[in-house]
């Protein structure tokens, strides 16, 4: 298992964490787009979520859809303890690397 996350994996794990019980493909996509301006295809999101699930960072459950969805199911995602540790580790690394960066970027 990789010890570091790619940028897109990190975004997905953060989105799943923020969305908590409402983390499924559409809401994850919307949150990432709203907060970062980054657009991603549904295929990229689902492929990466499947990879994160295989790596043990997230789990998923399939919930049967109601009449409002024409019976179509939704797959909801949740962070695992392994995912929490990975996200916390990545966040700490980014914070450490970012320390003092804005001051340097302000210098032209």
PDB file of N, CA and C in Angstrom:
ATOM      1  N   UNK A   1       0.847  -1.185   0.000  1.00  0.00           N
ATOM      2  CA  UNK A   1       0.000   0.000   0.000  1.00  0.00           C
ATOM      3  C   UNK A   1       0.885   1.239   0.000  1.00  0.00           C
ATOM      4  N   UNK A   2       0.496   2.215  -0.785  1.00  0.00           N
ATOM      5  CA  UNK A   2       1.252   3.454  -0.878  1.00  0.00           C
ATOM      6  C   UNK A   2       1.182   4.198   0.453  1.00  0.00           C
ATOM      7  N   UNK A   3       2.267   4.859   0.782  1.00  0.00           N
ATOM      8  CA  UNK A   3       2.292   5.600   2.047  1.00  0.00           C
ATOM      9  C   UNK A   3       1.900   7.056   1.872  1.00  0.00           C
ATOM     10  N   UNK A   4       1.714   7.488   0.632  1.00  0.00           N
ATOM     11  CA  UNK A   4       1.273   8.860   0.425  1.00  0.00           C
ATOM     12  C   UNK A   4       0.137   8.872  -0.583  1.00  0.00           C
ATOM     13  N   UNK A   5      -0.678   9.890  -0.467  1.00  0.00           N
ATOM     14  CA  UNK A   5      -1.846  10.024  -1.331  1.00  0.00           C
ATOM     15  C   UNK A   5      -1.558  10.981  -2.467  1.00  0.00           C
ATOM     16  N   UNK A   6      -2.132  10.696  -3.616  1.00  0.00           N
ATOM     17  CA  UNK A   6      -2.084  11.645  -4.711  1.00  0.00           C
ATOM     18  C   UNK A   6      -3.036  12.796  -4.402  1.00  0.00           C
ATOM     19  N   UNK A   7      -2.868  13.902  -5.097  1.00  0.00           N
ATOM     20  CA  UNK A   7      -3.679  15.097  -4.835  1.00  0.00           C
ATOM     21  C   UNK A   7      -5.175  14.814  -5.007  1.00  0.00           C
ATOM     22  N   UNK A   8      -5.538  14.065  -6.042  1.00  0.00           N
ATOM     23  CA  UNK A   8      -6.961  13.795  -6.266  1.00  0.00           C
ATOM     24  C   UNK A   8      -7.516  12.855  -5.197  1.00  0.00           C
ATOM     25  N   UNK A   9      -6.724  11.873  -4.791  1.00  0.00           N
ATOM     26  CA  UNK A   9      -7.152  10.993  -3.707  1.00  0.00           C
ATOM     27  C   UNK A   9      -7.374  11.793  -2.427  1.00  0.00           C
ATOM     28  N   UNK A  10      -6.468  12.724  -2.181  1.00  0.00           N
ATOM     29  CA  UNK A  10      -6.583  13.552  -0.984  1.00  0.00           C
ATOM     30  C   UNK A  10      -7.863  14.376  -1.024  1.00  0.00           C
ATOM     31  N   UNK A  11      -8.159  14.960  -2.188  1.00  0.00           N
ATOM     32  CA  UNK A  11      -9.401  15.730  -2.328  1.00  0.00           C
ATOM     33  C   UNK A  11     -10.620  14.861  -2.053  1.00  0.00           C
ATOM     34  N   UNK A  12     -10.621  13.650  -2.584  1.00  0.00           N
ATOM     35  CA  UNK A  12     -11.769  12.763  -2.369  1.00  0.00           C
ATOM     36  C   UNK A  12     -11.918  12.387  -0.899  1.00  0.00           C
ATOM     37  N   UNK A  13     -10.816  12.080  -0.237  1.00  0.00           N
ATOM     38  CA  UNK A  13     -10.907  11.740   1.187  1.00  0.00           C
ATOM     39  C   UNK A  13     -11.395  12.921   2.014  1.00  0.00           C
ATOM     40  N   UNK A  14     -10.942  14.123   1.672  1.00  0.00           N
ATOM     41  CA  UNK A  14     -11.432  15.309   2.384  1.00  0.00           C
ATOM     42  C   UNK A  14     -12.931  15.499   2.137  1.00  0.00           C
ATOM     43  N   UNK A  15     -13.372  15.310   0.904  1.00  0.00           N
ATOM     44  CA  UNK A  15     -14.792  15.469   0.584  1.00  0.00           C
ATOM     45  C   UNK A  15     -15.632  14.446   1.339  1.00  0.00           C
ATOM     46  N   UNK A  16     -15.198  13.195   1.360  1.00  0.00           N
ATOM     47  CA  UNK A  16     -15.930  12.147   2.092  1.00  0.00           C
ATOM     48  C   UNK A  16     -16.022  12.521   3.567  1.00  0.00           C
ATOM     49  N   UNK A  17     -14.944  13.047   4.121  1.00  0.00           N
ATOM     50  CA  UNK A  17     -14.935  13.447   5.527  1.00  0.00           C
ATOM     51  C   UNK A  17     -15.904  14.602   5.771  1.00  0.00           C
ATOM     52  N   UNK A  18     -15.867  15.617   4.924  1.00  0.00           N
ATOM     53  CA  UNK A  18     -16.765  16.765   5.082  1.00  0.00           C
ATOM     54  C   UNK A  18     -18.236  16.363   4.939  1.00  0.00           C
ATOM     55  N   UNK A  19     -18.525  15.495   3.994  1.00  0.00           N
ATOM     56  CA  UNK A  19     -19.913  15.138   3.703  1.00  0.00           C
ATOM     57  C   UNK A  19     -20.499  14.131   4.681  1.00  0.00           C
ATOM     58  N   UNK A  20     -19.655  13.401   5.378  1.00  0.00           N
ATOM     59  CA  UNK A  20     -20.058  12.431   6.392  1.00  0.00           C
ATOM     60  C   UNK A  20     -21.098  11.452   5.830  1.00  0.00           C
ATOM     61  N   UNK A  21     -22.314  11.462   6.324  1.00  0.00           N
ATOM     62  CA  UNK A  21     -23.349  10.499   5.919  1.00  0.00           C
ATOM     63  C   UNK A  21     -23.900  10.752   4.516  1.00  0.00           C
ATOM     64  N   UNK A  22     -23.595  11.886   3.935  1.00  0.00           N
ATOM     65  CA  UNK A  22     -24.137  12.247   2.622  1.00  0.00           C
ATOM     66  C   UNK A  22     -23.081  12.149   1.512  1.00  0.00           C
ATOM     67  N   UNK A  23     -22.064  11.310   1.719  1.00  0.00           N
ATOM     68  CA  UNK A  23     -20.966  11.207   0.755  1.00  0.00           C
ATOM     69  C   UNK A  23     -21.267  10.144  -0.302  1.00  0.00           C
ATOM     70  N   UNK A  24     -21.719  10.595  -1.450  1.00  0.00           N
ATOM     71  CA  UNK A  24     -21.877   9.710  -2.610  1.00  0.00           C
ATOM     72  C   UNK A  24     -21.391  10.489  -3.822  1.00  0.00           C
ATOM     73  N   UNK A  25     -21.279   9.835  -4.954  1.00  0.00           N
ATOM     74  CA  UNK A  25     -20.615  10.408  -6.119  1.00  0.00           C
ATOM     75  C   UNK A  25     -20.988  11.837  -6.454  1.00  0.00           C
ATOM     76  N   UNK A  26     -22.275  12.125  -6.547  1.00  0.00           N
ATOM     77  CA  UNK A  26     -22.717  13.463  -6.952  1.00  0.00           C
ATOM     78  C   UNK A  26     -22.344  14.512  -5.920  1.00  0.00           C
ATOM     79  N   UNK A  27     -22.545  14.225  -4.640  1.00  0.00           N
ATOM     80  CA  UNK A  27     -22.233  15.224  -3.610  1.00  0.00           C
ATOM     81  C   UNK A  27     -20.724  15.431  -3.484  1.00  0.00           C
ATOM     82  N   UNK A  28     -19.968  14.355  -3.658  1.00  0.00           N
ATOM     83  CA  UNK A  28     -18.503  14.472  -3.629  1.00  0.00           C
ATOM     84  C   UNK A  28     -18.037  15.355  -4.780  1.00  0.00           C
ATOM     85  N   UNK A  29     -18.552  15.084  -5.965  1.00  0.00           N
ATOM     86  CA  UNK A  29     -18.197  15.868  -7.158  1.00  0.00           C
ATOM     87  C   UNK A  29     -18.532  17.342  -6.951  1.00  0.00           C
ATOM     88  N   UNK A  30     -19.720  17.605  -6.460  1.00  0.00           N
ATOM     89  CA  UNK A  30     -20.189  18.986  -6.252  1.00  0.00           C
ATOM     90  C   UNK A  30     -19.319  19.720  -5.238  1.00  0.00           C
ATOM     91  N   UNK A  31     -18.992  19.062  -4.126  1.00  0.00           N
ATOM     92  CA  UNK A  31     -18.182  19.705  -3.089  1.00  0.00           C
ATOM     93  C   UNK A  31     -16.789  20.052  -3.611  1.00  0.00           C
ATOM     94  N   UNK A  32     -16.169  19.125  -4.311  1.00  0.00           N
ATOM     95  CA  UNK A  32     -14.842  19.387  -4.860  1.00  0.00           C
ATOM     96  C   UNK A  32     -14.890  20.538  -5.853  1.00  0.00           C
ATOM     97  N   UNK A  33     -15.892  20.535  -6.716  1.00  0.00           N
ATOM     98  CA  UNK A  33     -16.008  21.605  -7.708  1.00  0.00           C
ATOM     99  C   UNK A  33     -16.291  22.952  -7.041  1.00  0.00           C
ATOM    100  N   UNK A  34     -17.191  22.962  -6.072  1.00  0.00           N
ATOM    101  CA  UNK A  34     -17.535  24.213  -5.383  1.00  0.00           C
ATOM    102  C   UNK A  34     -16.358  24.792  -4.605  1.00  0.00           C
ATOM    103  N   UNK A  35     -15.600  23.941  -3.930  1.00  0.00           N
ATOM    104  CA  UNK A  35     -14.528  24.440  -3.071  1.00  0.00           C
ATOM    105  C   UNK A  35     -13.207  24.682  -3.784  1.00  0.00           C
ATOM    106  N   UNK A  36     -12.973  23.967  -4.886  1.00  0.00           N
ATOM    107  CA  UNK A  36     -11.675  24.086  -5.550  1.00  0.00           C
ATOM    108  C   UNK A  36     -11.765  24.645  -6.964  1.00  0.00           C
ATOM    109  N   UNK A  37     -12.957  24.627  -7.549  1.00  0.00           N
ATOM    110  CA  UNK A  37     -13.115  25.033  -8.940  1.00  0.00           C
ATOM    111  C   UNK A  37     -12.644  23.957  -9.900  1.00  0.00           C
ATOM    112  N   UNK A  38     -12.210  22.843  -9.368  1.00  0.00           N
ATOM    113  CA  UNK A  38     -11.707  21.734 -10.174  1.00  0.00           C
ATOM    114  C   UNK A  38     -12.864  20.861 -10.642  1.00  0.00           C
ATOM    115  N   UNK A  39     -12.910  20.607 -11.931  1.00  0.00           N
ATOM    116  CA  UNK A  39     -13.940  19.748 -12.489  1.00  0.00           C
ATOM    117  C   UNK A  39     -13.337  18.376 -12.738  1.00  0.00           C
ATOM    118  N   UNK A  40     -14.054  17.353 -12.399  1.00  0.00           N
ATOM    119  CA  UNK A  40     -13.592  15.982 -12.624  1.00  0.00           C
ATOM    120  C   UNK A  40     -14.742  15.187 -13.221  1.00  0.00           C
ATOM    121  N   UNK A  41     -14.414  14.217 -14.014  1.00  0.00           N
ATOM    122  CA  UNK A  41     -15.455  13.367 -14.585  1.00  0.00           C
ATOM    123  C   UNK A  41     -15.965  12.412 -13.515  1.00  0.00           C
ATOM    124  N   UNK A  42     -17.186  11.962 -13.709  1.00  0.00           N
ATOM    125  CA  UNK A  42     -17.745  10.967 -12.789  1.00  0.00           C
ATOM    126  C   UNK A  42     -16.884   9.719 -12.798  1.00  0.00           C
ATOM    127  N   UNK A  43     -16.389   9.354 -13.980  1.00  0.00           N
ATOM    128  CA  UNK A  43     -15.544   8.172 -14.086  1.00  0.00           C
ATOM    129  C   UNK A  43     -14.299   8.278 -13.241  1.00  0.00           C
ATOM    130  N   UNK A  44     -13.672   9.442 -13.246  1.00  0.00           N
ATOM    131  CA  UNK A  44     -12.462   9.649 -12.438  1.00  0.00           C
ATOM    132  C   UNK A  44     -12.790   9.551 -10.953  1.00  0.00           C
ATOM    133  N   UNK A  45     -13.910  10.110 -10.565  1.00  0.00           N
ATOM    134  CA  UNK A  45     -14.305  10.072  -9.155  1.00  0.00           C
ATOM    135  C   UNK A  45     -14.572   8.635  -8.712  1.00  0.00           C
ATOM    136  N   UNK A  46     -15.388   7.902  -9.476  1.00  0.00           N
ATOM    137  CA  UNK A  46     -15.731   6.534  -9.078  1.00  0.00           C
ATOM    138  C   UNK A  46     -14.530   5.594  -9.151  1.00  0.00           C
ATOM    139  N   UNK A  47     -13.688   5.758 -10.147  1.00  0.00           N
ATOM    140  CA  UNK A  47     -12.491   4.925 -10.255  1.00  0.00           C
ATOM    141  C   UNK A  47     -11.576   5.143  -9.061  1.00  0.00           C
ATOM    142  N   UNK A  48     -11.402   6.399  -8.685  1.00  0.00           N
ATOM    143  CA  UNK A  48     -10.533   6.711  -7.551  1.00  0.00           C
ATOM    144  C   UNK A  48     -11.152   6.235  -6.243  1.00  0.00           C
ATOM    145  N   UNK A  49     -12.468   6.375  -6.095  1.00  0.00           N
ATOM    146  CA  UNK A  49     -13.133   5.874  -4.894  1.00  0.00           C
ATOM    147  C   UNK A  49     -12.988   4.356  -4.784  1.00  0.00           C
ATOM    148  N   UNK A  50     -13.110   3.652  -5.912  1.00  0.00           N
ATOM    149  CA  UNK A  50     -12.917   2.195  -5.899  1.00  0.00           C
ATOM    150  C   UNK A  50     -11.492   1.850  -5.472  1.00  0.00           C
ATOM    151  N   UNK A  51     -10.526   2.589  -5.981  1.00  0.00           N
ATOM    152  CA  UNK A  51      -9.120   2.368  -5.604  1.00  0.00           C
ATOM    153  C   UNK A  51      -8.924   2.631  -4.111  1.00  0.00           C
ATOM    154  N   UNK A  52      -9.504   3.731  -3.607  1.00  0.00           N
ATOM    155  CA  UNK A  52      -9.386   4.042  -2.182  1.00  0.00           C
ATOM    156  C   UNK A  52     -10.040   2.957  -1.332  1.00  0.00           C
ATOM    157  N   UNK A  53     -11.116   2.373  -1.837  1.00  0.00           N
ATOM    158  CA  UNK A  53     -11.772   1.298  -1.103  1.00  0.00           C
ATOM    159  C   UNK A  53     -10.887   0.040  -1.088  1.00  0.00           C
ATOM    160  N   UNK A  54     -10.293  -0.294  -2.221  1.00  0.00           N
ATOM    161  CA  UNK A  54      -9.374  -1.441  -2.277  1.00  0.00           C
ATOM    162  C   UNK A  54      -8.177  -1.246  -1.343  1.00  0.00           C
ATOM    163  N   UNK A  55      -7.731   0.003  -1.203  1.00  0.00           N
ATOM    164  CA  UNK A  55      -6.592   0.311  -0.330  1.00  0.00           C
ATOM    165  C   UNK A  55      -6.990   0.368   1.143  1.00  0.00           C
ATOM    166  N   UNK A  56      -8.281   0.304   1.427  1.00  0.00           N
ATOM    167  CA  UNK A  56      -8.749   0.304   2.811  1.00  0.00           C
ATOM    168  C   UNK A  56      -8.966   1.677   3.409  1.00  0.00           C
ATOM    169  N   UNK A  57      -8.964   2.722   2.582  1.00  0.00           N
ATOM    170  CA  UNK A  57      -9.155   4.084   3.091  1.00  0.00           C
ATOM    171  C   UNK A  57     -10.623   4.464   3.246  1.00  0.00           C
ATOM    172  N   UNK A  58     -11.491   3.871   2.450  1.00  0.00           N
ATOM    173  CA  UNK A  58     -12.935   4.115   2.552  1.00  0.00           C
ATOM    174  C   UNK A  58     -13.668   2.782   2.468  1.00  0.00           C
ATOM    175  N   UNK A  59     -14.883   2.786   2.966  1.00  0.00           N
ATOM    176  CA  UNK A  59     -15.801   1.671   2.753  1.00  0.00           C
ATOM    177  C   UNK A  59     -17.010   2.250   2.033  1.00  0.00           C
ATOM    178  N   UNK A  60     -17.799   1.377   1.440  1.00  0.00           N
ATOM    179  CA  UNK A  60     -18.999   1.859   0.774  1.00  0.00           C
ATOM    180  C   UNK A  60     -20.171   0.944   1.093  1.00  0.00           C
ATOM    181  N   UNK A  61     -21.342   1.499   0.948  1.00  0.00           N
ATOM    182  CA  UNK A  61     -22.555   0.715   1.105  1.00  0.00           C
ATOM    183  C   UNK A  61     -23.515   1.138   0.009  1.00  0.00           C
ATOM    184  N   UNK A  62     -24.264   0.200  -0.497  1.00  0.00           N
ATOM    185  CA  UNK A  62     -25.228   0.472  -1.543  1.00  0.00           C
ATOM    186  C   UNK A  62     -26.591   0.601  -0.902  1.00  0.00           C
ATOM    187  N   UNK A  63     -27.260   1.706  -1.180  1.00  0.00           N
ATOM    188  CA  UNK A  63     -28.589   1.950  -0.618  1.00  0.00           C
ATOM    189  C   UNK A  63     -29.602   1.966  -1.741  1.00  0.00           C
ATOM    190  N   UNK A  64     -30.623   1.183  -1.582  1.00  0.00           N
ATOM    191  CA  UNK A  64     -31.667   1.107  -2.615  1.00  0.00           C
ATOM    192  C   UNK A  64     -32.322   2.466  -2.816  1.00  0.00           C
ATOM    193  N   UNK A  65     -32.578   2.768  -4.065  1.00  0.00           N
ATOM    194  CA  UNK A  65     -33.210   4.038  -4.396  1.00  0.00           C
ATOM    195  C   UNK A  65     -34.719   3.968  -4.244  1.00  0.00           C
ATOM    196  N   UNK A  66     -35.298   5.104  -3.956  1.00  0.00           N
ATOM    197  CA  UNK A  66     -36.741   5.199  -3.824  1.00  0.00           C
ATOM    198  C   UNK A  66     -37.380   5.557  -5.156  1.00  0.00           C
ATOM    199  N   UNK A  67     -38.669   5.819  -5.100  1.00  0.00           N
ATOM    200  CA  UNK A  67     -39.407   6.193  -6.306  1.00  0.00           C
ATOM    201  C   UNK A  67     -38.870   7.473  -6.930  1.00  0.00           C
ATOM    202  N   UNK A  68     -38.374   8.384  -6.083  1.00  0.00           N
ATOM    203  CA  UNK A  68     -37.838   9.650  -6.593  1.00  0.00           C
ATOM    204  C   UNK A  68     -36.616   9.438  -7.481  1.00  0.00           C
ATOM    205  N   UNK A  69     -35.944   8.288  -7.358  1.00  0.00           N
ATOM    206  CA  UNK A  69     -34.773   7.977  -8.176  1.00  0.00           C
ATOM    207  C   UNK A  69     -35.059   6.869  -9.175  1.00  0.00           C
ATOM    208  N   UNK A  70     -36.316   6.539  -9.342  1.00  0.00           N
ATOM    209  CA  UNK A  70     -36.660   5.474 -10.270  1.00  0.00           C
ATOM    210  C   UNK A  70     -36.102   4.132  -9.833  1.00  0.00           C
ATOM    211  N   UNK A  71     -35.895   3.971  -8.533  1.00  0.00           N
ATOM    212  CA  UNK A  71     -35.378   2.720  -7.998  1.00  0.00           C
ATOM    213  C   UNK A  71     -33.869   2.569  -8.085  1.00  0.00           C
ATOM    214  N   UNK A  72     -33.177   3.546  -8.666  1.00  0.00           N
ATOM    215  CA  UNK A  72     -31.721   3.456  -8.804  1.00  0.00           C
ATOM    216  C   UNK A  72     -31.053   3.585  -7.428  1.00  0.00           C
ATOM    217  N   UNK A  73     -30.077   2.749  -7.203  1.00  0.00           N
ATOM    218  CA  UNK A  73     -29.351   2.741  -5.931  1.00  0.00           C
ATOM    219  C   UNK A  73     -28.287   3.835  -5.897  1.00  0.00           C
ATOM    220  N   UNK A  74     -27.872   4.181  -4.679  1.00  0.00           N
ATOM    221  CA  UNK A  74     -26.760   5.108  -4.455  1.00  0.00           C
ATOM    222  C   UNK A  74     -25.700   4.376  -3.653  1.00  0.00           C
ATOM    223  N   UNK A  75     -24.434   4.623  -3.987  1.00  0.00           N
ATOM    224  CA  UNK A  75     -23.333   4.068  -3.217  1.00  0.00           C
ATOM    225  C   UNK A  75     -22.766   5.189  -2.339  1.00  0.00           C
ATOM    226  N   UNK A  76     -22.858   4.988  -1.032  1.00  0.00           N
ATOM    227  CA  UNK A  76     -22.354   5.951  -0.058  1.00  0.00           C
ATOM    228  C   UNK A  76     -20.982   5.514   0.438  1.00  0.00           C
ATOM    229  N   UNK A  77     -20.130   6.490   0.699  1.00  0.00           N
ATOM    230  CA  UNK A  77     -18.755   6.227   1.122  1.00  0.00           C
ATOM    231  C   UNK A  77     -18.516   6.795   2.513  1.00  0.00           C
ATOM    232  N   UNK A  78     -17.627   6.109   3.222  1.00  0.00           N
ATOM    233  CA  UNK A  78     -17.272   6.533   4.574  1.00  0.00           C
ATOM    234  C   UNK A  78     -15.783   6.269   4.786  1.00  0.00           C
ATOM    235  N   UNK A  79     -15.125   7.174   5.486  1.00  0.00           N
ATOM    236  CA  UNK A  79     -13.716   7.033   5.803  1.00  0.00           C
ATOM    237  C   UNK A  79     -13.520   5.904   6.815  1.00  0.00           C
ATOM    238  N   UNK A  80     -12.493   5.098   6.630  1.00  0.00           N
ATOM    239  CA  UNK A  80     -12.138   4.059   7.595  1.00  0.00           C
ATOM    240  C   UNK A  80     -11.105   4.627   8.566  1.00  0.00           C
ATOM    241  N   UNK A  81     -10.824   3.918   9.654  1.00  0.00           N
ATOM    242  CA  UNK A  81      -9.746   4.370  10.536  1.00  0.00           C
ATOM    243  C   UNK A  81      -8.412   4.503   9.790  1.00  0.00           C
ATOM    244  N   UNK A  82      -8.131   3.593   8.864  1.00  0.00           N
ATOM    245  CA  UNK A  82      -6.917   3.691   8.059  1.00  0.00           C
ATOM    246  C   UNK A  82      -6.946   4.954   7.212  1.00  0.00           C
ATOM    247  N   UNK A  83      -8.106   5.271   6.645  1.00  0.00           N
ATOM    248  CA  UNK A  83      -8.263   6.487   5.848  1.00  0.00           C
ATOM    249  C   UNK A  83      -8.073   7.734   6.685  1.00  0.00           C
ATOM    250  N   UNK A  84      -8.596   7.715   7.900  1.00  0.00           N
ATOM    251  CA  UNK A  84      -8.429   8.865   8.805  1.00  0.00           C
ATOM    252  C   UNK A  84      -6.955   9.106   9.112  1.00  0.00           C
ATOM    253  N   UNK A  85      -6.240   8.030   9.389  1.00  0.00           N
ATOM    254  CA  UNK A  85      -4.807   8.170   9.691  1.00  0.00           C
ATOM    255  C   UNK A  85      -4.052   8.694   8.469  1.00  0.00           C
ATOM    256  N   UNK A  86      -4.372   8.164   7.300  1.00  0.00           N
ATOM    257  CA  UNK A  86      -3.703   8.613   6.070  1.00  0.00           C
ATOM    258  C   UNK A  86      -3.997  10.079   5.803  1.00  0.00           C
ATOM    259  N   UNK A  87      -5.251  10.478   5.966  1.00  0.00           N
ATOM    260  CA  UNK A  87      -5.631  11.865   5.732  1.00  0.00           C
ATOM    261  C   UNK A  87      -4.961  12.791   6.740  1.00  0.00           C
ATOM    262  N   UNK A  88      -4.928  12.375   8.001  1.00  0.00           N
ATOM    263  CA  UNK A  88      -4.261  13.183   9.035  1.00  0.00           C
ATOM    264  C   UNK A  88      -2.771  13.315   8.742  1.00  0.00           C
ATOM    265  N   UNK A  89      -2.131  12.226   8.311  1.00  0.00           N
ATOM    266  CA  UNK A  89      -0.708  12.242   7.981  1.00  0.00           C
ATOM    267  C   UNK A  89      -0.433  13.182   6.805  1.00  0.00           C
ATOM    268  N   UNK A  90      -1.265  13.093   5.763  1.00  0.00           N
ATOM    269  CA  UNK A  90      -1.098  13.961   4.594  1.00  0.00           C
ATOM    270  C   UNK A  90      -1.329  15.425   4.959  1.00  0.00           C
ATOM    271  N   UNK A  91      -2.349  15.660   5.771  1.00  0.00           N
ATOM    272  CA  UNK A  91      -2.645  17.032   6.184  1.00  0.00           C
ATOM    273  C   UNK A  91      -1.465  17.620   6.957  1.00  0.00           C
ATOM    274  N   UNK A  92      -0.905  16.840   7.880  1.00  0.00           N
ATOM    275  CA  UNK A  92       0.246  17.313   8.646  1.00  0.00           C
ATOM    276  C   UNK A  92       1.432  17.598   7.722  1.00  0.00           C
ATOM    277  N   UNK A  93       1.650  16.745   6.729  1.00  0.00           N
ATOM    278  CA  UNK A  93       2.749  16.964   5.780  1.00  0.00           C
ATOM    279  C   UNK A  93       2.545  18.245   4.989  1.00  0.00           C
ATOM    280  N   UNK A  94       1.323  18.451   4.513  1.00  0.00           N
ATOM    281  CA  UNK A  94       1.030  19.674   3.742  1.00  0.00           C
ATOM    282  C   UNK A  94       1.173  20.915   4.609  1.00  0.00           C
ATOM    283  N   UNK A  95       0.718  20.831   5.850  1.00  0.00           N
ATOM    284  CA  UNK A  95       0.875  21.981   6.744  1.00  0.00           C
ATOM    285  C   UNK A  95       2.348  22.288   6.963  1.00  0.00           C
ATOM    286  N   UNK A  96       3.145  21.258   7.186  1.00  0.00           N
ATOM    287  CA  UNK A  96       4.574  21.456   7.421  1.00  0.00           C
ATOM    288  C   UNK A  96       5.242  22.062   6.190  1.00  0.00           C
ATOM    289  N   UNK A  97       4.919  21.543   5.014  1.00  0.00           N
ATOM    290  CA  UNK A  97       5.514  22.066   3.783  1.00  0.00           C
ATOM    291  C   UNK A  97       5.018  23.480   3.469  1.00  0.00           C
ATOM    292  N   UNK A  98       3.809  23.808   3.910  1.00  0.00           N
ATOM    293  CA  UNK A  98       3.224  25.118   3.618  1.00  0.00           C
ATOM    294  C   UNK A  98       3.684  26.208   4.571  1.00  0.00           C
ATOM    295  N   UNK A  99       4.254  25.808   5.703  1.00  0.00           N
ATOM    296  CA  UNK A  99       4.659  26.796   6.708  1.00  0.00           C
ATOM    297  C   UNK A  99       5.612  27.814   6.091  1.00  0.00           C
ATOM    298  N   UNK A 100       5.247  29.072   6.154  1.00  0.00           N
ATOM    299  CA  UNK A 100       6.071  30.155   5.643  1.00  0.00           C
ATOM    300  C   UNK A 100       5.966  30.377   4.144  1.00  0.00           C
ATOM    301  N   UNK A 101       5.187  29.578   3.472  1.00  0.00           N
ATOM    302  CA  UNK A 101       5.095  29.676   2.019  1.00  0.00           C
ATOM    303  C   UNK A 101       4.458  30.982   1.550  1.00  0.00           C
ATOM    304  N   UNK A 102       3.401  31.401   2.201  1.00  0.00           N
ATOM    305  CA  UNK A 102       2.708  32.625   1.761  1.00  0.00           C
ATOM    306  C   UNK A 102       3.635  33.841   1.856  1.00  0.00           C
ATOM    307  N   UNK A 103       4.461  33.879   2.882  1.00  0.00           N
ATOM    308  CA  UNK A 103       5.395  34.991   3.013  1.00  0.00           C
ATOM    309  C   UNK A 103       6.378  35.003   1.834  1.00  0.00           C
ATOM    310  N   UNK A 104       6.823  33.830   1.444  1.00  0.00           N
ATOM    311  CA  UNK A 104       7.750  33.735   0.304  1.00  0.00           C
ATOM    312  C   UNK A 104       7.063  34.053  -1.016  1.00  0.00           C
ATOM    313  N   UNK A 105       5.828  33.649  -1.162  1.00  0.00           N
ATOM    314  CA  UNK A 105       5.092  33.925  -2.398  1.00  0.00           C
ATOM    315  C   UNK A 105       4.783  35.407  -2.542  1.00  0.00           C
ATOM    316  N   UNK A 106       4.663  36.088  -1.417  1.00  0.00           N
ATOM    317  CA  UNK A 106       4.396  37.509  -1.450  1.00  0.00           C
ATOM    318  C   UNK A 106       5.587  38.313  -1.922  1.00  0.00           C
ATOM    319  N   UNK A 107       6.783  37.720  -1.839  1.00  0.00           N
ATOM    320  CA  UNK A 107       8.004  38.400  -2.298  1.00  0.00           C
ATOM    321  C   UNK A 107       8.173  38.181  -3.791  1.00  0.00           C
ATOM    322  N   UNK A 108       8.237  39.257  -4.530  1.00  0.00           N
ATOM    323  CA  UNK A 108       8.421  39.128  -5.988  1.00  0.00           C
ATOM    324  C   UNK A 108       9.765  39.586  -6.424  1.00  0.00           C
TER     325      UNK A 108
END
